[in-house]
Amino acid sequence: MRLRWTAGALRDLENIVDHLFDKTPQHAPRLTRSIYEAVAALRTFPSRGRAGKKAGTREFVMASLPYVVVSSRRRFSPRGENSARRAAVAGVISEGMAG
């Protein structure tokens, strides 16, 4: 399974990381790694989480952080190659915004 971050998800992550470094600079590197590791788990467990509010998406709540990762799965076929499954990270949002 391949993983791709959408532009929106990358902006979400950048905003979260900036916030973490502003509020808890001593913990920000560890928390940022936790987010990346949680998202990387989509490669192995692409159906992780609950059905998303938007059709075709999944949402999983990060256990130790107040964020929800929104993802979708679809076939991807660059330049005529054999199609392969890909998980796209559509966003990383505050848990309050997901519910």
N, C-alpha and C. Protein backbone atom coordinates (compact mmCIF):
# COMPACT_ATOMS: atom_id res chain seq x y z
N MET A 1 0.85 -1.18 0.00
CA MET A 1 0.00 0.00 0.00
C MET A 1 0.89 1.24 0.00
N ARG A 2 0.60 2.12 -0.92
CA ARG A 2 1.32 3.39 -0.99
C ARG A 2 0.53 4.44 -0.22
N LEU A 3 1.21 5.46 0.23
CA LEU A 3 0.58 6.50 1.02
C LEU A 3 0.89 7.86 0.39
N ARG A 4 -0.12 8.69 0.28
CA ARG A 4 0.07 10.03 -0.27
C ARG A 4 -0.65 11.04 0.61
N TRP A 5 0.06 12.12 0.94
CA TRP A 5 -0.53 13.22 1.69
C TRP A 5 -1.10 14.23 0.69
N THR A 6 -2.35 14.62 0.87
CA THR A 6 -2.90 15.67 0.03
C THR A 6 -2.32 17.02 0.48
N ALA A 7 -2.45 18.02 -0.37
CA ALA A 7 -1.96 19.36 -0.01
C ALA A 7 -2.65 19.87 1.25
N GLY A 8 -3.95 19.61 1.37
CA GLY A 8 -4.68 20.03 2.56
C GLY A 8 -4.19 19.36 3.82
N ALA A 9 -3.90 18.07 3.73
CA ALA A 9 -3.40 17.33 4.89
C ALA A 9 -2.03 17.84 5.30
N LEU A 10 -1.20 18.17 4.33
CA LEU A 10 0.12 18.73 4.64
C LEU A 10 -0.01 20.09 5.33
N ARG A 11 -0.97 20.91 4.89
CA ARG A 11 -1.21 22.19 5.57
C ARG A 11 -1.69 21.96 6.99
N ASP A 12 -2.61 20.98 7.16
CA ASP A 12 -3.09 20.65 8.50
C ASP A 12 -1.92 20.26 9.40
N LEU A 13 -1.06 19.39 8.88
CA LEU A 13 0.07 18.93 9.68
C LEU A 13 1.00 20.09 10.02
N GLU A 14 1.27 20.95 9.06
CA GLU A 14 2.15 22.10 9.32
C GLU A 14 1.56 22.99 10.41
N ASN A 15 0.26 23.22 10.36
CA ASN A 15 -0.39 24.04 11.39
C ASN A 15 -0.31 23.37 12.76
N ILE A 16 -0.52 22.07 12.80
CA ILE A 16 -0.44 21.34 14.06
C ILE A 16 0.97 21.40 14.63
N VAL A 17 1.96 21.15 13.78
CA VAL A 17 3.36 21.17 14.24
C VAL A 17 3.73 22.56 14.73
N ASP A 18 3.34 23.61 14.01
CA ASP A 18 3.60 24.98 14.47
C ASP A 18 2.98 25.22 15.84
N HIS A 19 1.74 24.77 16.00
CA HIS A 19 1.06 24.92 17.29
C HIS A 19 1.80 24.18 18.40
N LEU A 20 2.20 22.95 18.12
CA LEU A 20 2.92 22.17 19.13
C LEU A 20 4.22 22.84 19.54
N PHE A 21 4.97 23.37 18.57
CA PHE A 21 6.23 24.04 18.90
C PHE A 21 5.99 25.34 19.65
N ASP A 22 4.87 26.02 19.39
CA ASP A 22 4.54 27.24 20.13
C ASP A 22 4.16 26.94 21.57
N LYS A 23 3.34 25.89 21.75
CA LYS A 23 2.77 25.61 23.07
C LYS A 23 3.63 24.68 23.94
N THR A 24 4.25 23.68 23.33
CA THR A 24 5.04 22.71 24.10
C THR A 24 6.31 22.33 23.33
N PRO A 25 7.24 23.28 23.19
CA PRO A 25 8.43 23.00 22.36
C PRO A 25 9.23 21.80 22.84
N GLN A 26 9.20 21.52 24.13
CA GLN A 26 9.96 20.38 24.65
C GLN A 26 9.36 19.04 24.23
N HIS A 27 8.08 19.02 23.91
CA HIS A 27 7.41 17.78 23.52
C HIS A 27 7.09 17.71 22.02
N ALA A 28 7.22 18.80 21.32
CA ALA A 28 6.81 18.88 19.92
C ALA A 28 7.46 17.83 19.02
N PRO A 29 8.79 17.59 19.11
CA PRO A 29 9.38 16.57 18.22
C PRO A 29 8.77 15.18 18.43
N ARG A 30 8.56 14.80 19.68
CA ARG A 30 7.99 13.48 19.98
C ARG A 30 6.55 13.39 19.49
N LEU A 31 5.78 14.44 19.72
CA LEU A 31 4.38 14.44 19.30
C LEU A 31 4.26 14.43 17.77
N THR A 32 5.14 15.15 17.11
CA THR A 32 5.14 15.16 15.64
C THR A 32 5.44 13.76 15.11
N ARG A 33 6.42 13.08 15.70
CA ARG A 33 6.73 11.69 15.30
C ARG A 33 5.52 10.80 15.51
N SER A 34 4.80 11.00 16.61
CA SER A 34 3.61 10.19 16.89
C SER A 34 2.57 10.35 15.78
N ILE A 35 2.40 11.56 15.29
CA ILE A 35 1.44 11.80 14.20
C ILE A 35 1.90 11.07 12.94
N TYR A 36 3.18 11.22 12.58
CA TYR A 36 3.70 10.55 11.38
C TYR A 36 3.57 9.03 11.50
N GLU A 37 3.87 8.48 12.67
CA GLU A 37 3.78 7.03 12.86
C GLU A 37 2.34 6.54 12.76
N ALA A 38 1.41 7.31 13.30
CA ALA A 38 0.00 6.92 13.21
C ALA A 38 -0.46 6.91 11.76
N VAL A 39 -0.06 7.92 11.01
CA VAL A 39 -0.44 7.97 9.60
C VAL A 39 0.25 6.86 8.81
N ALA A 40 1.50 6.60 9.11
CA ALA A 40 2.24 5.54 8.40
C ALA A 40 1.58 4.18 8.59
N ALA A 41 0.87 3.98 9.69
CA ALA A 41 0.18 2.71 9.93
C ALA A 41 -0.89 2.43 8.88
N LEU A 42 -1.32 3.47 8.15
CA LEU A 42 -2.30 3.26 7.08
C LEU A 42 -1.76 2.35 5.99
N ARG A 43 -0.44 2.29 5.84
CA ARG A 43 0.14 1.40 4.83
C ARG A 43 -0.20 -0.06 5.15
N THR A 44 -0.20 -0.40 6.41
CA THR A 44 -0.47 -1.76 6.84
C THR A 44 -1.95 -1.99 7.14
N PHE A 45 -2.59 -0.97 7.70
CA PHE A 45 -4.00 -1.08 8.10
C PHE A 45 -4.81 0.05 7.46
N PRO A 46 -5.03 -0.01 6.13
CA PRO A 46 -5.70 1.10 5.44
C PRO A 46 -7.17 1.29 5.83
N SER A 47 -7.78 0.30 6.43
CA SER A 47 -9.19 0.42 6.83
C SER A 47 -9.33 0.81 8.31
N ARG A 48 -8.25 1.26 8.88
CA ARG A 48 -8.22 1.64 10.29
C ARG A 48 -9.24 2.75 10.56
N GLY A 49 -9.90 2.66 11.69
CA GLY A 49 -10.82 3.72 12.11
C GLY A 49 -12.26 3.44 11.73
N ARG A 50 -13.04 4.49 11.83
CA ARG A 50 -14.48 4.41 11.56
C ARG A 50 -14.79 4.99 10.19
N ALA A 51 -15.99 4.70 9.71
CA ALA A 51 -16.43 5.30 8.45
C ALA A 51 -16.45 6.81 8.62
N GLY A 52 -15.96 7.53 7.62
CA GLY A 52 -15.90 8.99 7.70
C GLY A 52 -17.23 9.63 7.39
N LYS A 53 -17.34 10.91 7.69
CA LYS A 53 -18.56 11.65 7.39
C LYS A 53 -18.74 11.80 5.89
N LYS A 54 -17.65 11.94 5.17
CA LYS A 54 -17.71 12.06 3.71
C LYS A 54 -17.60 10.65 3.12
N ALA A 55 -18.45 10.34 2.16
CA ALA A 55 -18.45 9.01 1.54
C ALA A 55 -17.06 8.64 1.04
N GLY A 56 -16.66 7.40 1.30
CA GLY A 56 -15.38 6.91 0.83
C GLY A 56 -14.19 7.26 1.69
N THR A 57 -14.45 7.87 2.86
CA THR A 57 -13.34 8.21 3.75
C THR A 57 -13.40 7.39 5.03
N ARG A 58 -12.27 7.36 5.71
CA ARG A 58 -12.15 6.73 7.02
C ARG A 58 -11.60 7.78 7.97
N GLU A 59 -11.94 7.68 9.25
CA GLU A 59 -11.42 8.57 10.28
C GLU A 59 -10.90 7.73 11.43
N PHE A 60 -9.69 8.01 11.86
CA PHE A 60 -9.26 7.36 13.10
C PHE A 60 -8.71 8.39 14.06
N VAL A 61 -9.15 8.22 15.31
CA VAL A 61 -8.76 9.11 16.39
C VAL A 61 -7.41 8.65 16.91
N MET A 62 -6.49 9.58 17.03
CA MET A 62 -5.18 9.25 17.58
C MET A 62 -5.34 9.06 19.08
N ALA A 63 -4.92 7.93 19.59
CA ALA A 63 -5.17 7.57 20.99
C ALA A 63 -4.60 8.58 21.98
N SER A 64 -3.40 9.07 21.75
CA SER A 64 -2.76 9.92 22.74
C SER A 64 -2.82 11.41 22.42
N LEU A 65 -3.41 11.77 21.30
CA LEU A 65 -3.49 13.17 20.88
C LEU A 65 -4.90 13.52 20.45
N PRO A 66 -5.30 14.78 20.55
CA PRO A 66 -6.67 15.16 20.19
C PRO A 66 -6.86 15.42 18.70
N TYR A 67 -6.37 14.49 17.86
CA TYR A 67 -6.47 14.67 16.42
C TYR A 67 -7.11 13.45 15.78
N VAL A 68 -7.72 13.71 14.63
CA VAL A 68 -8.35 12.66 13.83
C VAL A 68 -7.69 12.70 12.45
N VAL A 69 -7.26 11.53 11.98
CA VAL A 69 -6.68 11.42 10.64
C VAL A 69 -7.79 10.98 9.70
N VAL A 70 -7.99 11.74 8.63
CA VAL A 70 -9.01 11.42 7.63
C VAL A 70 -8.29 10.87 6.41
N SER A 71 -8.73 9.71 5.94
CA SER A 71 -8.07 9.08 4.80
C SER A 71 -9.09 8.48 3.85
N SER A 72 -8.63 8.17 2.65
CA SER A 72 -9.46 7.47 1.67
C SER A 72 -8.57 6.48 0.95
N ARG A 73 -9.19 5.50 0.33
CA ARG A 73 -8.46 4.50 -0.45
C ARG A 73 -8.94 4.55 -1.88
N ARG A 74 -8.02 4.45 -2.80
CA ARG A 74 -8.40 4.40 -4.21
C ARG A 74 -7.29 3.80 -5.03
N ARG A 75 -7.63 3.42 -6.23
CA ARG A 75 -6.63 2.90 -7.17
C ARG A 75 -5.85 4.05 -7.74
N PHE A 76 -4.58 3.84 -7.95
CA PHE A 76 -3.69 4.87 -8.49
C PHE A 76 -2.88 4.24 -9.61
N SER A 77 -2.86 4.86 -10.75
CA SER A 77 -2.14 4.31 -11.89
C SER A 77 -1.34 5.40 -12.60
N PRO A 78 -0.13 5.70 -12.13
CA PRO A 78 0.66 6.74 -12.79
C PRO A 78 1.26 6.26 -14.10
N ARG A 79 1.18 7.07 -15.12
CA ARG A 79 1.84 6.80 -16.41
C ARG A 79 1.58 5.40 -16.94
N GLY A 80 0.36 4.92 -16.82
CA GLY A 80 -0.01 3.64 -17.42
C GLY A 80 0.53 2.41 -16.71
N GLU A 81 1.13 2.56 -15.54
CA GLU A 81 1.64 1.40 -14.81
C GLU A 81 0.46 0.61 -14.26
N ASN A 82 0.74 -0.60 -13.80
CA ASN A 82 -0.31 -1.39 -13.17
C ASN A 82 -0.88 -0.60 -11.99
N SER A 83 -2.19 -0.64 -11.87
CA SER A 83 -2.79 0.12 -10.78
C SER A 83 -2.47 -0.56 -9.46
N ALA A 84 -2.33 0.27 -8.46
CA ALA A 84 -2.02 -0.22 -7.11
C ALA A 84 -2.91 0.53 -6.13
N ARG A 85 -3.21 -0.10 -5.02
CA ARG A 85 -3.98 0.57 -3.99
C ARG A 85 -3.12 1.65 -3.35
N ARG A 86 -3.77 2.75 -3.04
CA ARG A 86 -3.09 3.85 -2.39
C ARG A 86 -4.03 4.42 -1.34
N ALA A 87 -3.47 4.74 -0.19
CA ALA A 87 -4.22 5.46 0.82
C ALA A 87 -3.82 6.92 0.72
N ALA A 88 -4.79 7.80 0.68
CA ALA A 88 -4.51 9.23 0.63
C ALA A 88 -4.92 9.84 1.97
N VAL A 89 -4.00 10.56 2.57
CA VAL A 89 -4.32 11.26 3.81
C VAL A 89 -4.97 12.57 3.41
N ALA A 90 -6.24 12.70 3.75
CA ALA A 90 -7.00 13.87 3.34
C ALA A 90 -6.92 14.99 4.36
N GLY A 91 -6.63 14.66 5.61
CA GLY A 91 -6.53 15.70 6.63
C GLY A 91 -6.17 15.15 7.98
N VAL A 92 -5.64 16.02 8.81
CA VAL A 92 -5.41 15.73 10.23
C VAL A 92 -6.04 16.90 10.95
N ILE A 93 -7.14 16.63 11.63
CA ILE A 93 -7.93 17.71 12.22
C ILE A 93 -8.11 17.52 13.72
N SER A 94 -8.50 18.59 14.38
CA SER A 94 -8.78 18.53 15.81
C SER A 94 -9.96 17.60 16.02
N GLU A 95 -9.89 16.80 17.06
CA GLU A 95 -10.96 15.83 17.32
C GLU A 95 -12.32 16.51 17.46
N GLY A 96 -12.37 17.68 18.02
CA GLY A 96 -13.62 18.40 18.16
C GLY A 96 -14.25 18.77 16.83
N MET A 97 -13.45 18.97 15.80
CA MET A 97 -13.97 19.32 14.48
C MET A 97 -14.54 18.10 13.77
N ALA A 98 -14.11 16.91 14.14
CA ALA A 98 -14.56 15.69 13.46
C ALA A 98 -15.93 15.26 13.96
N GLY A 99 -16.25 15.54 15.21
CA GLY A 99 -17.48 15.04 15.78
C GLY A 99 -18.58 15.97 15.62
